C-alpha atoms as a PDB file:
ATOM      1  CA  MET A   1     -57.993   7.220 -50.644  1.00  0.00           C
ATOM      2  CA  ASN A   2     -57.590  10.600 -49.048  1.00  0.00           C
ATOM      3  CA  GLN A   3     -58.221  13.998 -50.618  1.00  0.00           C
ATOM      4  CA  TYR A   4     -54.596  15.165 -50.624  1.00  0.00           C
ATOM      5  CA  LEU A   5     -53.474  14.432 -54.171  1.00  0.00           C
ATOM      6  CA  CYS A   6     -51.551  16.920 -56.273  1.00  0.00           C
ATOM      7  CA  SER A   7     -52.660  17.673 -59.831  1.00  0.00           C
ATOM      8  CA  ILE A   8     -49.876  15.521 -61.284  1.00  0.00           C
ATOM      9  CA  HIS A   9     -50.756  12.426 -59.282  1.00  0.00           C
ATOM     10  CA  LYS A  10     -54.501  12.768 -59.886  1.00  0.00           C
ATOM     11  CA  GLN A  11     -53.669  11.794 -63.471  1.00  0.00           C
ATOM     12  CA  MET A  12     -52.412   8.398 -62.255  1.00  0.00           C
ATOM     13  CA  PHE A  13     -55.833   7.361 -61.057  1.00  0.00           C
ATOM     14  CA  ILE A  14     -57.299   7.496 -64.552  1.00  0.00           C
ATOM     15  CA  TYR A  15     -55.945   3.948 -64.778  1.00  0.00           C
ATOM     16  CA  ASN A  16     -57.880   2.710 -61.699  1.00  0.00           C
ATOM     17  CA  LEU A  17     -54.864   1.763 -59.614  1.00  0.00           C
ATOM     18  CA  VAL A  18     -55.759  -0.373 -56.622  1.00  0.00           C
ATOM     19  CA  PRO A  19     -53.617  -1.606 -53.714  1.00  0.00           C
ATOM     20  CA  MET A  20     -52.766  -5.220 -54.574  1.00  0.00           C
ATOM     21  CA  SER A  21     -49.264  -5.876 -53.287  1.00  0.00           C
ATOM     22  CA  PRO A  22     -48.725  -8.743 -50.833  1.00  0.00           C
ATOM     23  CA  LYS A  23     -45.799  -6.809 -49.331  1.00  0.00           C
ATOM     24  CA  TYR A  24     -45.659  -3.505 -47.511  1.00  0.00           C
ATOM     25  CA  ASN A  25     -43.247  -0.609 -47.885  1.00  0.00           C
ATOM     26  CA  ILE A  26     -41.887   1.833 -45.289  1.00  0.00           C
ATOM     27  CA  CYS A  27     -43.413   5.296 -44.866  1.00  0.00           C
ATOM     28  CA  MET A  28     -40.789   8.010 -45.317  1.00  0.00           C
ATOM     29  CA  ASN A  29     -42.286  10.087 -42.496  1.00  0.00           C
ATOM     30  CA  CYS A  30     -43.265   7.751 -39.642  1.00  0.00           C
ATOM     31  CA  LEU A  31     -40.985   4.861 -40.757  1.00  0.00           C
ATOM     32  CA  LYS A  32     -43.727   2.269 -40.222  1.00  0.00           C
ATOM     33  CA  LEU A  33     -44.129  -0.669 -42.565  1.00  0.00           C
ATOM     34  CA  ASN A  34     -47.708   0.107 -43.612  1.00  0.00           C
ATOM     35  CA  ILE A  35     -47.807   1.144 -47.303  1.00  0.00           C
ATOM     36  CA  LYS A  36     -49.322  -1.282 -49.796  1.00  0.00           C
ATOM     37  CA  GLY A  37     -48.143  -1.287 -53.400  1.00  0.00           C
ATOM     38  CA  TYR A  38     -50.522  -0.245 -56.157  1.00  0.00           C
ATOM     39  CA  CYS A  39     -51.019  -1.949 -59.491  1.00  0.00           C
ATOM     40  CA  ASP A  40     -53.296  -1.752 -62.500  1.00  0.00           C
ATOM     41  CA  PRO A  41     -55.939  -4.475 -61.959  1.00  0.00           C
ATOM     42  CA  LEU A  42     -55.944  -5.369 -65.665  1.00  0.00           C
ATOM     43  CA  GLN A  43     -52.196  -5.924 -65.766  1.00  0.00           C
ATOM     44  CA  PRO A  44     -51.062  -9.452 -64.863  1.00  0.00           C
ATOM     45  CA  VAL A  45     -48.742  -9.594 -61.865  1.00  0.00           C
ATOM     46  CA  TYR A  46     -46.002 -12.195 -61.910  1.00  0.00           C
ATOM     47  CA  SER A  47     -43.962 -13.315 -58.944  1.00  0.00           C
ATOM     48  CA  LEU A  48     -40.722 -12.730 -60.872  1.00  0.00           C
ATOM     49  CA  GLU A  49     -41.591  -9.142 -61.778  1.00  0.00           C
ATOM     50  CA  TYR A  50     -42.216  -6.481 -59.190  1.00  0.00           C
ATOM     51  CA  ASN A  51     -44.439  -4.093 -61.059  1.00  0.00           C
ATOM     52  CA  TYR A  52     -45.937  -2.356 -58.037  1.00  0.00           C
ATOM     53  CA  ILE A  53     -45.674   1.340 -57.323  1.00  0.00           C
ATOM     54  CA  TYR A  54     -45.559   2.578 -53.747  1.00  0.00           C
ATOM     55  CA  PRO A  55     -46.513   5.999 -52.345  1.00  0.00           C
ATOM     56  CA  MET A  56     -43.864   7.915 -50.402  1.00  0.00           C
ATOM     57  CA  ILE A  57     -45.885   8.301 -47.198  1.00  0.00           C
ATOM     58  CA  CYS A  58     -48.824   6.444 -45.647  1.00  0.00           C
ATOM     59  CA  ASP A  59     -52.418   7.712 -45.604  1.00  0.00           C
ATOM     60  CA  SER A  60     -52.328   8.793 -41.959  1.00  0.00           C
ATOM     61  CA  CYS A  61     -49.141  10.848 -42.492  1.00  0.00           C
ATOM     62  CA  SER A  62     -50.646  12.342 -45.632  1.00  0.00           C
ATOM     63  CA  LEU A  63     -53.670  13.486 -43.648  1.00  0.00           C
ATOM     64  CA  SER A  64     -51.615  14.872 -40.767  1.00  0.00           C
ATOM     65  CA  LEU A  65     -49.117  16.682 -43.050  1.00  0.00           C
ATOM     66  CA  LYS A  66     -51.821  17.706 -45.563  1.00  0.00           C
ATOM     67  CA  ARG A  67     -49.626  16.601 -48.450  1.00  0.00           C
ATOM     68  CA  CYS A  68     -49.912  14.330 -51.458  1.00  0.00           C
ATOM     69  CA  LYS A  69     -48.817  10.839 -50.442  1.00  0.00           C
ATOM     70  CA  TRP A  70     -47.128  10.233 -53.800  1.00  0.00           C
ATOM     71  CA  CYS A  71     -44.870  13.312 -53.742  1.00  0.00           C
ATOM     72  CA  ARG A  72     -41.381  13.127 -52.288  1.00  0.00           C
ATOM     73  CA  LEU A  73     -40.958  14.854 -48.940  1.00  0.00           C
ATOM     74  CA  LEU A  74     -38.429  17.646 -48.922  1.00  0.00           C
ATOM     75  CA  LYS A  75     -35.754  17.573 -46.256  1.00  0.00           C
ATOM     76  CA  ARG A  76     -35.570  20.665 -44.123  1.00  0.00           C
ATOM     77  CA  MET A  77     -32.055  21.992 -43.889  1.00  0.00           C
ATOM     78  CA  ALA A  78     -30.848  23.378 -40.585  1.00  0.00           C
ATOM     79  CA  HIS A  79     -29.605  26.934 -40.652  1.00  0.00           C
ATOM     80  CA  LEU A  80     -25.911  27.123 -39.902  1.00  0.00           C
END
């Protein structure tokens, strides 16, 4: 877990979310398939239900961009 978490997403980790997903998701910045899904360890996970939550960007992109990995990245609009 890196140190770049916004005040809103720090509240999520009161519930002790841990990466538990068998599948990976795509990072919105580097487009690599390297983000594990998080789940509450006390909540049962069923194969029919996908109750995982995924961050928007991976840990390495979060460190390089110095941004919260759970927040949505804003698109930069080109000046016309």
